[in-house]
Amino acid sequence: MKNKTILLIIALVLTLAVLACGSSGNDIEVRESSEDNENSAQVNNDAESEESAPEPTATKKSGTARSNPAPAGSEVVADDMAFVISGSTRPADEIVTAGNMFNTEPESDQEYIFVTIDVTCQKSGDDKCTLYPTSNFTLIGQSGVVYEPEILLSGVEGLFDFLDTEFYGGSTISGSLPFIVSQTDTDLILIYDPFLGDTFFLAVP
């Protein structure tokens, strides 16, 4: 009887371990533009035509890692919201200076970039989404340096409210996130890191 009890406990532990390994907990969805899909299809066709081609190296799901960000122009659905980068302005130094002469001035080897985002709440019309631009977004480039958004800019129109923004299901809000980056940094990626849920990575055009 004692042996049977031990075996049952072992079986239960193994079952739970298998279930845990089989669940990634990642519910990010990336909806690529039609142009991106056509490019992916062409790549797949080329790969199939090469009979002796080696098996591709496993990569992380698009949008879930810095090494494989969602392509520019994609819609990323995460945290009950859909995100699309609709554009970027670089350099944006003149815009900042024109807004207020006392706004933070970049160093000689730095410049401003504005990343403009459209965010749609995916909940029902009776429920609200909340966006926290100050704490949810960062930017990273080829250099590996993480940039925080500049929150103390005045006189500049079109920026997100950096405290928080609440909006109901079906509604879309748009705004720009300002960052100071190195002038030589390239391949910029916007990172969304919610308090709960999954982090995603979206290439900046």
C-alpha atoms as a PDB file:
ATOM      1  CA  MET A   1       0.000   0.000   0.000  1.00  0.00           C
ATOM      2  CA  LYS A   2       2.827   2.337   0.896  1.00  0.00           C
ATOM      3  CA  ASN A   3       4.588   1.611  -2.401  1.00  0.00           C
ATOM      4  CA  LYS A   4       1.403   2.334  -4.370  1.00  0.00           C
ATOM      5  CA  THR A   5       1.042   5.690  -2.638  1.00  0.00           C
ATOM      6  CA  ILE A   6       4.621   6.628  -3.489  1.00  0.00           C
ATOM      7  CA  LEU A   7       4.104   5.603  -7.134  1.00  0.00           C
ATOM      8  CA  LEU A   8       0.941   7.716  -7.361  1.00  0.00           C
ATOM      9  CA  ILE A   9       2.770  10.744  -5.962  1.00  0.00           C
ATOM     10  CA  ILE A  10       5.613  10.284  -8.457  1.00  0.00           C
ATOM     11  CA  ALA A  11       3.146   9.944 -11.342  1.00  0.00           C
ATOM     12  CA  LEU A  12       1.336  13.116 -10.257  1.00  0.00           C
ATOM     13  CA  VAL A  13       4.590  15.099 -10.055  1.00  0.00           C
ATOM     14  CA  LEU A  14       5.668  13.915 -13.513  1.00  0.00           C
ATOM     15  CA  THR A  15       2.274  14.825 -14.992  1.00  0.00           C
ATOM     16  CA  LEU A  16       2.435  18.336 -13.554  1.00  0.00           C
ATOM     17  CA  ALA A  17       5.978  18.762 -14.865  1.00  0.00           C
ATOM     18  CA  VAL A  18       4.935  17.752 -18.386  1.00  0.00           C
ATOM     19  CA  LEU A  19       1.993  20.147 -18.320  1.00  0.00           C
ATOM     20  CA  ALA A  20       4.223  22.977 -17.105  1.00  0.00           C
ATOM     21  CA  CYS A  21       6.784  22.389 -19.855  1.00  0.00           C
ATOM     22  CA  GLY A  22       4.085  22.247 -22.509  1.00  0.00           C
ATOM     23  CA  SER A  23       2.654  25.643 -21.585  1.00  0.00           C
ATOM     24  CA  SER A  24       4.753  28.640 -22.625  1.00  0.00           C
ATOM     25  CA  GLY A  25       2.375  31.230 -21.182  1.00  0.00           C
ATOM     26  CA  ASN A  26       3.083  33.421 -24.225  1.00  0.00           C
ATOM     27  CA  ASP A  27      -0.105  34.777 -25.806  1.00  0.00           C
ATOM     28  CA  ILE A  28       1.461  37.380 -28.088  1.00  0.00           C
ATOM     29  CA  GLU A  29      -0.030  37.471 -31.580  1.00  0.00           C
ATOM     30  CA  VAL A  30       1.761  39.135 -34.490  1.00  0.00           C
ATOM     31  CA  ARG A  31      -0.239  40.102 -37.567  1.00  0.00           C
ATOM     32  CA  GLU A  32       2.242  40.969 -40.283  1.00  0.00           C
ATOM     33  CA  SER A  33       1.452  43.261 -43.202  1.00  0.00           C
ATOM     34  CA  SER A  34       0.690  41.711 -46.608  1.00  0.00           C
ATOM     35  CA  GLU A  35       4.140  42.725 -47.874  1.00  0.00           C
ATOM     36  CA  ASP A  36       5.817  40.917 -44.990  1.00  0.00           C
ATOM     37  CA  ASN A  37       3.744  37.795 -45.660  1.00  0.00           C
ATOM     38  CA  GLU A  38       4.719  37.824 -49.352  1.00  0.00           C
ATOM     39  CA  ASN A  39       8.398  38.113 -48.432  1.00  0.00           C
ATOM     40  CA  SER A  40       8.066  35.209 -45.974  1.00  0.00           C
ATOM     41  CA  ALA A  41       6.346  33.082 -48.610  1.00  0.00           C
ATOM     42  CA  GLN A  42       9.156  33.786 -51.109  1.00  0.00           C
ATOM     43  CA  VAL A  43      11.758  32.809 -48.534  1.00  0.00           C
ATOM     44  CA  ASN A  44       9.918  29.546 -47.855  1.00  0.00           C
ATOM     45  CA  ASN A  45       9.685  28.756 -51.586  1.00  0.00           C
ATOM     46  CA  ASP A  46      13.393  29.398 -52.055  1.00  0.00           C
ATOM     47  CA  ALA A  47      14.191  27.163 -49.098  1.00  0.00           C
ATOM     48  CA  GLU A  48      12.069  24.309 -50.470  1.00  0.00           C
ATOM     49  CA  SER A  49      13.849  24.500 -53.832  1.00  0.00           C
ATOM     50  CA  GLU A  50      17.205  23.796 -52.207  1.00  0.00           C
ATOM     51  CA  GLU A  51      17.121  20.048 -51.596  1.00  0.00           C
ATOM     52  CA  SER A  52      20.458  19.925 -49.814  1.00  0.00           C
ATOM     53  CA  ALA A  53      19.841  22.967 -47.610  1.00  0.00           C
ATOM     54  CA  PRO A  54      20.510  22.316 -43.899  1.00  0.00           C
ATOM     55  CA  GLU A  55      17.677  22.443 -41.428  1.00  0.00           C
ATOM     56  CA  PRO A  56      17.066  26.012 -40.187  1.00  0.00           C
ATOM     57  CA  THR A  57      18.216  26.921 -36.696  1.00  0.00           C
ATOM     58  CA  ALA A  58      15.342  27.212 -34.248  1.00  0.00           C
ATOM     59  CA  THR A  59      14.355  30.832 -33.629  1.00  0.00           C
ATOM     60  CA  LYS A  60      12.052  32.387 -31.106  1.00  0.00           C
ATOM     61  CA  LYS A  61       8.535  33.331 -32.149  1.00  0.00           C
ATOM     62  CA  SER A  62       8.283  36.635 -33.999  1.00  0.00           C
ATOM     63  CA  GLY A  63       7.800  39.514 -31.593  1.00  0.00           C
ATOM     64  CA  THR A  64       8.818  37.619 -28.472  1.00  0.00           C
ATOM     65  CA  ALA A  65      12.552  38.359 -28.445  1.00  0.00           C
ATOM     66  CA  ARG A  66      15.052  41.033 -29.365  1.00  0.00           C
ATOM     67  CA  SER A  67      16.644  38.555 -31.760  1.00  0.00           C
ATOM     68  CA  ASN A  68      13.364  38.226 -33.679  1.00  0.00           C
ATOM     69  CA  PRO A  69      11.209  41.366 -33.319  1.00  0.00           C
ATOM     70  CA  ALA A  70       7.901  41.718 -35.090  1.00  0.00           C
ATOM     71  CA  PRO A  71       8.572  43.414 -38.458  1.00  0.00           C
ATOM     72  CA  ALA A  72       7.957  47.138 -38.837  1.00  0.00           C
ATOM     73  CA  GLY A  73       4.336  47.754 -39.804  1.00  0.00           C
ATOM     74  CA  SER A  74       3.072  44.640 -38.018  1.00  0.00           C
ATOM     75  CA  GLU A  75       0.193  44.685 -35.574  1.00  0.00           C
ATOM     76  CA  VAL A  76       1.106  43.069 -32.268  1.00  0.00           C
ATOM     77  CA  VAL A  77      -1.715  41.953 -29.981  1.00  0.00           C
ATOM     78  CA  ALA A  78      -0.754  41.614 -26.314  1.00  0.00           C
ATOM     79  CA  ASP A  79      -2.104  42.619 -22.930  1.00  0.00           C
ATOM     80  CA  ASP A  80      -5.629  42.975 -24.462  1.00  0.00           C
ATOM     81  CA  MET A  81      -4.362  45.701 -26.811  1.00  0.00           C
ATOM     82  CA  ALA A  82      -3.257  45.866 -30.450  1.00  0.00           C
ATOM     83  CA  PHE A  83      -0.114  47.916 -31.163  1.00  0.00           C
ATOM     84  CA  VAL A  84       1.044  49.319 -34.503  1.00  0.00           C
ATOM     85  CA  ILE A  85       3.981  51.671 -35.032  1.00  0.00           C
ATOM     86  CA  SER A  86       2.561  54.114 -37.572  1.00  0.00           C
ATOM     87  CA  GLY A  87       5.770  56.077 -38.032  1.00  0.00           C
ATOM     88  CA  SER A  88       8.890  57.599 -36.544  1.00  0.00           C
ATOM     89  CA  THR A  89      10.700  60.934 -36.713  1.00  0.00           C
ATOM     90  CA  ARG A  90      14.489  61.005 -36.437  1.00  0.00           C
ATOM     91  CA  PRO A  91      16.082  63.345 -35.648  1.00  0.00           C
ATOM     92  CA  ALA A  92      13.350  65.239 -33.790  1.00  0.00           C
ATOM     93  CA  ASP A  93      15.616  67.765 -32.061  1.00  0.00           C
ATOM     94  CA  GLU A  94      14.110  70.780 -33.799  1.00  0.00           C
ATOM     95  CA  ILE A  95      10.594  69.775 -32.713  1.00  0.00           C
ATOM     96  CA  VAL A  96      11.709  69.529 -29.092  1.00  0.00           C
ATOM     97  CA  THR A  97      13.592  72.828 -29.159  1.00  0.00           C
ATOM     98  CA  ALA A  98      10.669  74.620 -30.800  1.00  0.00           C
ATOM     99  CA  GLY A  99       8.360  73.301 -28.072  1.00  0.00           C
ATOM    100  CA  ASN A 100      10.340  74.804 -25.210  1.00  0.00           C
ATOM    101  CA  MET A 101      13.923  76.028 -25.038  1.00  0.00           C
ATOM    102  CA  PHE A 102      14.264  74.465 -21.585  1.00  0.00           C
ATOM    103  CA  ASN A 103      13.505  70.916 -22.764  1.00  0.00           C
ATOM    104  CA  THR A 104      16.347  68.445 -22.243  1.00  0.00           C
ATOM    105  CA  GLU A 105      19.025  68.916 -24.881  1.00  0.00           C
ATOM    106  CA  PRO A 106      20.775  65.795 -26.229  1.00  0.00           C
ATOM    107  CA  GLU A 107      24.539  65.418 -25.970  1.00  0.00           C
ATOM    108  CA  SER A 108      26.614  66.202 -29.070  1.00  0.00           C
ATOM    109  CA  ASP A 109      26.577  62.542 -30.158  1.00  0.00           C
ATOM    110  CA  GLN A 110      22.872  62.002 -29.400  1.00  0.00           C
ATOM    111  CA  GLU A 111      19.534  62.924 -30.958  1.00  0.00           C
ATOM    112  CA  TYR A 112      15.799  62.659 -30.357  1.00  0.00           C
ATOM    113  CA  ILE A 113      13.569  60.122 -32.026  1.00  0.00           C
ATOM    114  CA  PHE A 114       9.769  60.140 -31.831  1.00  0.00           C
ATOM    115  CA  VAL A 115       8.071  56.738 -32.234  1.00  0.00           C
ATOM    116  CA  THR A 116       4.387  57.102 -33.105  1.00  0.00           C
ATOM    117  CA  ILE A 117       2.055  54.293 -32.045  1.00  0.00           C
ATOM    118  CA  ASP A 118      -1.610  53.435 -32.576  1.00  0.00           C
ATOM    119  CA  VAL A 119      -3.077  51.353 -29.730  1.00  0.00           C
ATOM    120  CA  THR A 120      -6.509  49.699 -29.925  1.00  0.00           C
ATOM    121  CA  CYS A 121      -8.252  48.219 -26.890  1.00  0.00           C
ATOM    122  CA  GLN A 122      -9.318  44.647 -27.692  1.00  0.00           C
ATOM    123  CA  LYS A 123     -11.777  44.311 -24.811  1.00  0.00           C
ATOM    124  CA  SER A 124     -15.560  44.607 -24.995  1.00  0.00           C
ATOM    125  CA  GLY A 125     -17.139  48.036 -25.226  1.00  0.00           C
ATOM    126  CA  ASP A 126     -17.950  47.933 -21.501  1.00  0.00           C
ATOM    127  CA  ASP A 127     -14.371  47.258 -20.355  1.00  0.00           C
ATOM    128  CA  LYS A 128     -11.341  49.529 -20.256  1.00  0.00           C
ATOM    129  CA  CYS A 129      -7.686  49.184 -21.190  1.00  0.00           C
ATOM    130  CA  THR A 130      -4.967  51.198 -19.475  1.00  0.00           C
ATOM    131  CA  LEU A 131      -1.707  52.265 -21.066  1.00  0.00           C
ATOM    132  CA  TYR A 132       1.296  53.350 -18.991  1.00  0.00           C
ATOM    133  CA  PRO A 133       3.820  54.829 -21.474  1.00  0.00           C
ATOM    134  CA  THR A 134       6.338  55.847 -18.818  1.00  0.00           C
ATOM    135  CA  SER A 135       6.790  52.378 -17.337  1.00  0.00           C
ATOM    136  CA  ASN A 136       5.718  50.051 -20.173  1.00  0.00           C
ATOM    137  CA  PHE A 137       7.915  51.206 -23.063  1.00  0.00           C
ATOM    138  CA  THR A 138      11.665  51.254 -23.700  1.00  0.00           C
ATOM    139  CA  LEU A 139      13.787  51.331 -26.834  1.00  0.00           C
ATOM    140  CA  ILE A 140      16.860  49.316 -27.738  1.00  0.00           C
ATOM    141  CA  GLY A 141      19.198  49.420 -30.714  1.00  0.00           C
ATOM    142  CA  GLN A 142      22.089  47.547 -32.255  1.00  0.00           C
ATOM    143  CA  SER A 143      24.372  48.865 -29.504  1.00  0.00           C
ATOM    144  CA  GLY A 144      22.399  46.980 -26.853  1.00  0.00           C
ATOM    145  CA  VAL A 145      21.769  50.143 -24.821  1.00  0.00           C
ATOM    146  CA  VAL A 146      18.250  50.434 -23.368  1.00  0.00           C
ATOM    147  CA  TYR A 147      16.689  53.898 -23.722  1.00  0.00           C
ATOM    148  CA  GLU A 148      13.966  55.170 -21.419  1.00  0.00           C
ATOM    149  CA  PRO A 149      11.310  57.599 -22.742  1.00  0.00           C
ATOM    150  CA  GLU A 150      11.826  61.305 -22.073  1.00  0.00           C
ATOM    151  CA  ILE A 151       8.905  62.370 -19.898  1.00  0.00           C
ATOM    152  CA  LEU A 152       9.716  66.008 -19.099  1.00  0.00           C
ATOM    153  CA  LEU A 153       9.050  67.629 -22.458  1.00  0.00           C
ATOM    154  CA  SER A 154       6.752  70.634 -22.722  1.00  0.00           C
ATOM    155  CA  GLY A 155       5.260  72.457 -25.664  1.00  0.00           C
ATOM    156  CA  VAL A 156       5.382  69.389 -27.926  1.00  0.00           C
ATOM    157  CA  GLU A 157       2.063  68.237 -29.358  1.00  0.00           C
ATOM    158  CA  GLY A 158       1.080  64.656 -30.039  1.00  0.00           C
ATOM    159  CA  LEU A 159       2.909  62.997 -27.151  1.00  0.00           C
ATOM    160  CA  PHE A 160       1.283  60.316 -25.018  1.00  0.00           C
ATOM    161  CA  ASP A 161       0.104  61.262 -21.551  1.00  0.00           C
ATOM    162  CA  PHE A 162       2.911  59.775 -19.497  1.00  0.00           C
ATOM    163  CA  LEU A 163       0.860  59.194 -16.345  1.00  0.00           C
ATOM    164  CA  ASP A 164      -1.635  56.776 -17.867  1.00  0.00           C
ATOM    165  CA  THR A 165      -4.438  56.668 -20.412  1.00  0.00           C
ATOM    166  CA  GLU A 166      -7.684  54.734 -19.998  1.00  0.00           C
ATOM    167  CA  PHE A 167      -9.808  53.899 -23.028  1.00  0.00           C
ATOM    168  CA  TYR A 168     -12.710  51.544 -23.696  1.00  0.00           C
ATOM    169  CA  GLY A 169     -12.866  48.456 -25.870  1.00  0.00           C
ATOM    170  CA  GLY A 170     -12.919  49.207 -29.584  1.00  0.00           C
ATOM    171  CA  SER A 171     -11.278  52.610 -29.094  1.00  0.00           C
ATOM    172  CA  THR A 172      -7.910  53.553 -30.584  1.00  0.00           C
ATOM    173  CA  ILE A 173      -5.479  56.075 -29.132  1.00  0.00           C
ATOM    174  CA  SER A 174      -2.457  57.467 -30.935  1.00  0.00           C
ATOM    175  CA  GLY A 175       0.623  59.285 -29.724  1.00  0.00           C
ATOM    176  CA  SER A 176       4.378  59.598 -29.900  1.00  0.00           C
ATOM    177  CA  LEU A 177       7.028  58.379 -27.490  1.00  0.00           C
ATOM    178  CA  PRO A 178      10.182  60.544 -27.374  1.00  0.00           C
ATOM    179  CA  PHE A 179      13.595  58.985 -26.763  1.00  0.00           C
ATOM    180  CA  ILE A 180      17.158  60.313 -26.789  1.00  0.00           C
ATOM    181  CA  VAL A 181      19.390  57.843 -28.641  1.00  0.00           C
ATOM    182  CA  SER A 182      22.937  57.671 -29.908  1.00  0.00           C
ATOM    183  CA  GLN A 183      23.238  59.122 -33.405  1.00  0.00           C
ATOM    184  CA  THR A 184      25.047  55.992 -34.544  1.00  0.00           C
ATOM    185  CA  ASP A 185      22.600  53.475 -33.073  1.00  0.00           C
ATOM    186  CA  THR A 186      20.622  51.515 -35.664  1.00  0.00           C
ATOM    187  CA  ASP A 187      18.039  48.712 -35.878  1.00  0.00           C
ATOM    188  CA  LEU A 188      15.913  50.250 -33.165  1.00  0.00           C
ATOM    189  CA  ILE A 189      13.309  48.041 -31.481  1.00  0.00           C
ATOM    190  CA  LEU A 190      10.414  49.185 -29.304  1.00  0.00           C
ATOM    191  CA  ILE A 191       9.932  47.013 -26.215  1.00  0.00           C
ATOM    192  CA  TYR A 192       6.568  46.768 -24.448  1.00  0.00           C
ATOM    193  CA  ASP A 193       6.865  45.320 -20.956  1.00  0.00           C
ATOM    194  CA  PRO A 194       3.529  45.180 -19.080  1.00  0.00           C
ATOM    195  CA  PHE A 195       3.098  44.713 -15.347  1.00  0.00           C
ATOM    196  CA  LEU A 196       1.391  41.397 -16.085  1.00  0.00           C
ATOM    197  CA  GLY A 197       1.543  39.438 -19.318  1.00  0.00           C
ATOM    198  CA  ASP A 198       4.109  39.036 -22.044  1.00  0.00           C
ATOM    199  CA  THR A 199       6.834  41.389 -23.254  1.00  0.00           C
ATOM    200  CA  PHE A 200       6.971  42.008 -26.988  1.00  0.00           C
ATOM    201  CA  PHE A 201       9.539  43.505 -29.377  1.00  0.00           C
ATOM    202  CA  LEU A 202       8.524  45.569 -32.429  1.00  0.00           C
ATOM    203  CA  ALA A 203      10.954  46.898 -35.049  1.00  0.00           C
ATOM    204  CA  VAL A 204      10.888  50.671 -35.549  1.00  0.00           C
ATOM    205  CA  PRO A 205      10.690  51.800 -39.197  1.00  0.00           C
END
